[in-house]
Amino acid sequence: MEIFDLDGIPPYNQELEVVMPEKVKTFKQKIKAADMILIVTPEYNYSMPGVLKNALDWIKAVPANKSIR
């Protein structure tokens, strides 16, 4: 099991997808290489924390043969 720290992932910016920040590249590579992803987080205001939502926005372009559950 590996834990990835979301600290350092900048706010999502579609314009940065062309020249992606290094921390985001690393995060996306780890997602693509994973067989399974388990996300555990406390509830924040009846939803997920903003930091997690931001990280998920960055990885929205995961290939179709992978799924996020």
N, C-alpha and C. Protein backbone atom coordinates (compact mmCIF):
# COMPACT_ATOMS: atom_id res chain seq x y z
N MET A 1 0.84 -1.17 0.00
CA MET A 1 0.00 0.00 0.00
C MET A 1 0.89 1.24 0.00
N GLU A 2 0.49 2.22 -0.76
CA GLU A 2 1.25 3.48 -0.84
C GLU A 2 0.32 4.64 -0.55
N ILE A 3 0.79 5.58 0.21
CA ILE A 3 0.01 6.79 0.52
C ILE A 3 0.64 7.95 -0.24
N PHE A 4 -0.20 8.71 -0.93
CA PHE A 4 0.29 9.87 -1.69
C PHE A 4 -0.20 11.14 -1.01
N ASP A 5 0.72 12.03 -0.70
CA ASP A 5 0.39 13.30 -0.04
C ASP A 5 -0.04 14.32 -1.09
N LEU A 6 -1.23 14.87 -0.94
CA LEU A 6 -1.75 15.83 -1.91
C LEU A 6 -1.17 17.23 -1.73
N ASP A 7 -0.38 17.42 -0.69
CA ASP A 7 0.24 18.72 -0.46
C ASP A 7 1.13 19.09 -1.64
N GLY A 8 0.97 20.26 -2.16
CA GLY A 8 1.80 20.72 -3.27
C GLY A 8 1.10 20.66 -4.61
N ILE A 9 -0.08 20.03 -4.68
CA ILE A 9 -0.83 20.04 -5.93
C ILE A 9 -1.51 21.40 -6.04
N PRO A 10 -1.21 22.14 -7.10
CA PRO A 10 -1.78 23.49 -7.23
C PRO A 10 -3.26 23.44 -7.57
N PRO A 11 -3.98 24.54 -7.37
CA PRO A 11 -5.38 24.58 -7.78
C PRO A 11 -5.52 24.22 -9.26
N TYR A 12 -6.57 23.47 -9.58
CA TYR A 12 -6.76 23.03 -10.96
C TYR A 12 -6.89 24.21 -11.91
N ASN A 13 -6.18 24.11 -13.02
CA ASN A 13 -6.22 25.14 -14.06
C ASN A 13 -6.11 24.41 -15.39
N GLN A 14 -7.18 24.43 -16.18
CA GLN A 14 -7.20 23.71 -17.44
C GLN A 14 -6.07 24.13 -18.37
N GLU A 15 -5.66 25.38 -18.29
CA GLU A 15 -4.58 25.87 -19.15
C GLU A 15 -3.24 25.22 -18.80
N LEU A 16 -3.10 24.72 -17.57
CA LEU A 16 -1.85 24.08 -17.16
C LEU A 16 -1.78 22.61 -17.57
N GLU A 17 -2.85 22.07 -18.17
CA GLU A 17 -2.82 20.67 -18.60
C GLU A 17 -1.78 20.45 -19.69
N VAL A 18 -1.46 21.48 -20.46
CA VAL A 18 -0.45 21.36 -21.52
C VAL A 18 0.94 21.21 -20.91
N VAL A 19 1.26 22.06 -19.96
CA VAL A 19 2.54 21.99 -19.25
C VAL A 19 2.20 21.74 -17.78
N MET A 20 1.95 20.48 -17.47
CA MET A 20 1.45 20.09 -16.16
C MET A 20 2.52 20.23 -15.08
N PRO A 21 2.14 20.72 -13.89
CA PRO A 21 3.09 20.79 -12.77
C PRO A 21 3.64 19.39 -12.44
N GLU A 22 4.87 19.32 -11.98
CA GLU A 22 5.54 18.05 -11.71
C GLU A 22 4.79 17.19 -10.69
N LYS A 23 4.27 17.81 -9.65
CA LYS A 23 3.53 17.07 -8.61
C LYS A 23 2.29 16.41 -9.21
N VAL A 24 1.63 17.09 -10.13
CA VAL A 24 0.44 16.54 -10.79
C VAL A 24 0.84 15.39 -11.71
N LYS A 25 1.94 15.53 -12.43
CA LYS A 25 2.43 14.45 -13.29
C LYS A 25 2.68 13.18 -12.47
N THR A 26 3.35 13.36 -11.34
CA THR A 26 3.64 12.22 -10.46
C THR A 26 2.35 11.59 -9.97
N PHE A 27 1.41 12.41 -9.56
CA PHE A 27 0.12 11.92 -9.06
C PHE A 27 -0.61 11.12 -10.14
N LYS A 28 -0.67 11.66 -11.36
CA LYS A 28 -1.35 10.97 -12.46
C LYS A 28 -0.64 9.66 -12.81
N GLN A 29 0.69 9.64 -12.77
CA GLN A 29 1.43 8.41 -13.07
C GLN A 29 1.11 7.33 -12.04
N LYS A 30 1.03 7.71 -10.78
CA LYS A 30 0.72 6.74 -9.73
C LYS A 30 -0.71 6.22 -9.88
N ILE A 31 -1.64 7.07 -10.28
CA ILE A 31 -3.03 6.65 -10.51
C ILE A 31 -3.07 5.65 -11.67
N LYS A 32 -2.40 5.98 -12.75
CA LYS A 32 -2.40 5.11 -13.93
C LYS A 32 -1.76 3.76 -13.64
N ALA A 33 -0.76 3.73 -12.79
CA ALA A 33 -0.05 2.49 -12.49
C ALA A 33 -0.76 1.63 -11.45
N ALA A 34 -1.73 2.18 -10.77
CA ALA A 34 -2.39 1.46 -9.67
C ALA A 34 -3.40 0.44 -10.18
N ASP A 35 -3.47 -0.67 -9.47
CA ASP A 35 -4.50 -1.67 -9.75
C ASP A 35 -5.83 -1.26 -9.11
N MET A 36 -5.73 -0.56 -8.00
CA MET A 36 -6.91 -0.12 -7.27
C MET A 36 -6.53 1.12 -6.46
N ILE A 37 -7.52 1.98 -6.24
CA ILE A 37 -7.30 3.18 -5.44
C ILE A 37 -8.36 3.23 -4.35
N LEU A 38 -7.93 3.45 -3.13
CA LEU A 38 -8.84 3.59 -2.00
C LEU A 38 -8.68 5.01 -1.48
N ILE A 39 -9.78 5.75 -1.46
CA ILE A 39 -9.74 7.13 -0.97
C ILE A 39 -10.50 7.15 0.35
N VAL A 40 -9.81 7.58 1.39
CA VAL A 40 -10.41 7.68 2.71
C VAL A 40 -10.24 9.12 3.16
N THR A 41 -11.36 9.76 3.51
CA THR A 41 -11.31 11.17 3.89
C THR A 41 -12.47 11.49 4.82
N PRO A 42 -12.29 12.46 5.69
CA PRO A 42 -13.43 12.89 6.50
C PRO A 42 -14.41 13.70 5.64
N GLU A 43 -15.64 13.71 6.06
CA GLU A 43 -16.64 14.53 5.38
C GLU A 43 -16.41 15.99 5.73
N TYR A 44 -16.59 16.84 4.76
CA TYR A 44 -16.45 18.28 5.00
C TYR A 44 -17.67 18.98 4.43
N ASN A 45 -18.50 19.53 5.30
CA ASN A 45 -19.68 20.28 4.88
C ASN A 45 -20.56 19.44 3.93
N TYR A 46 -20.81 18.18 4.32
CA TYR A 46 -21.63 17.22 3.56
C TYR A 46 -21.02 16.84 2.21
N SER A 47 -19.74 16.98 2.06
CA SER A 47 -19.08 16.65 0.80
C SER A 47 -17.64 16.26 1.09
N MET A 48 -16.84 16.19 0.03
CA MET A 48 -15.42 15.89 0.20
C MET A 48 -14.65 17.20 0.40
N PRO A 49 -13.50 17.14 1.06
CA PRO A 49 -12.68 18.34 1.23
C PRO A 49 -12.24 18.91 -0.13
N GLY A 50 -12.07 20.21 -0.17
CA GLY A 50 -11.67 20.90 -1.40
C GLY A 50 -10.35 20.41 -1.97
N VAL A 51 -9.40 20.05 -1.10
CA VAL A 51 -8.09 19.57 -1.57
C VAL A 51 -8.26 18.28 -2.36
N LEU A 52 -9.13 17.38 -1.88
CA LEU A 52 -9.37 16.13 -2.59
C LEU A 52 -10.10 16.39 -3.90
N LYS A 53 -11.10 17.24 -3.88
CA LYS A 53 -11.84 17.59 -5.11
C LYS A 53 -10.88 18.15 -6.15
N ASN A 54 -9.98 19.01 -5.73
CA ASN A 54 -8.99 19.60 -6.62
C ASN A 54 -8.11 18.51 -7.25
N ALA A 55 -7.63 17.58 -6.43
CA ALA A 55 -6.78 16.49 -6.94
C ALA A 55 -7.54 15.63 -7.94
N LEU A 56 -8.80 15.35 -7.66
CA LEU A 56 -9.62 14.56 -8.59
C LEU A 56 -9.88 15.32 -9.89
N ASP A 57 -10.00 16.62 -9.82
CA ASP A 57 -10.14 17.42 -11.04
C ASP A 57 -8.91 17.27 -11.94
N TRP A 58 -7.73 17.23 -11.33
CA TRP A 58 -6.50 17.08 -12.11
C TRP A 58 -6.43 15.73 -12.81
N ILE A 59 -6.99 14.68 -12.21
CA ILE A 59 -6.87 13.35 -12.82
C ILE A 59 -8.10 12.96 -13.62
N LYS A 60 -8.94 13.88 -13.95
CA LYS A 60 -10.19 13.56 -14.64
C LYS A 60 -9.96 12.89 -15.99
N ALA A 61 -8.80 13.02 -16.55
CA ALA A 61 -8.52 12.44 -17.87
C ALA A 61 -7.83 11.08 -17.77
N VAL A 62 -8.23 10.28 -16.78
CA VAL A 62 -7.69 8.93 -16.63
C VAL A 62 -8.17 8.10 -17.81
N PRO A 63 -7.32 7.27 -18.40
CA PRO A 63 -7.73 6.46 -19.55
C PRO A 63 -8.98 5.62 -19.27
N ALA A 64 -9.73 5.33 -20.31
CA ALA A 64 -11.01 4.62 -20.19
C ALA A 64 -10.86 3.22 -19.60
N ASN A 65 -9.68 2.60 -19.72
CA ASN A 65 -9.51 1.25 -19.20
C ASN A 65 -9.25 1.23 -17.69
N LYS A 66 -9.19 2.40 -17.08
CA LYS A 66 -9.07 2.50 -15.62
C LYS A 66 -10.34 3.14 -15.09
N SER A 67 -10.73 2.80 -13.89
CA SER A 67 -11.90 3.43 -13.31
C SER A 67 -11.58 3.91 -11.91
N ILE A 68 -12.25 4.95 -11.49
CA ILE A 68 -12.08 5.49 -10.14
C ILE A 68 -13.37 5.20 -9.40
N ARG A 69 -13.26 4.44 -8.33
CA ARG A 69 -14.46 4.07 -7.56
C ARG A 69 -14.29 4.52 -6.14
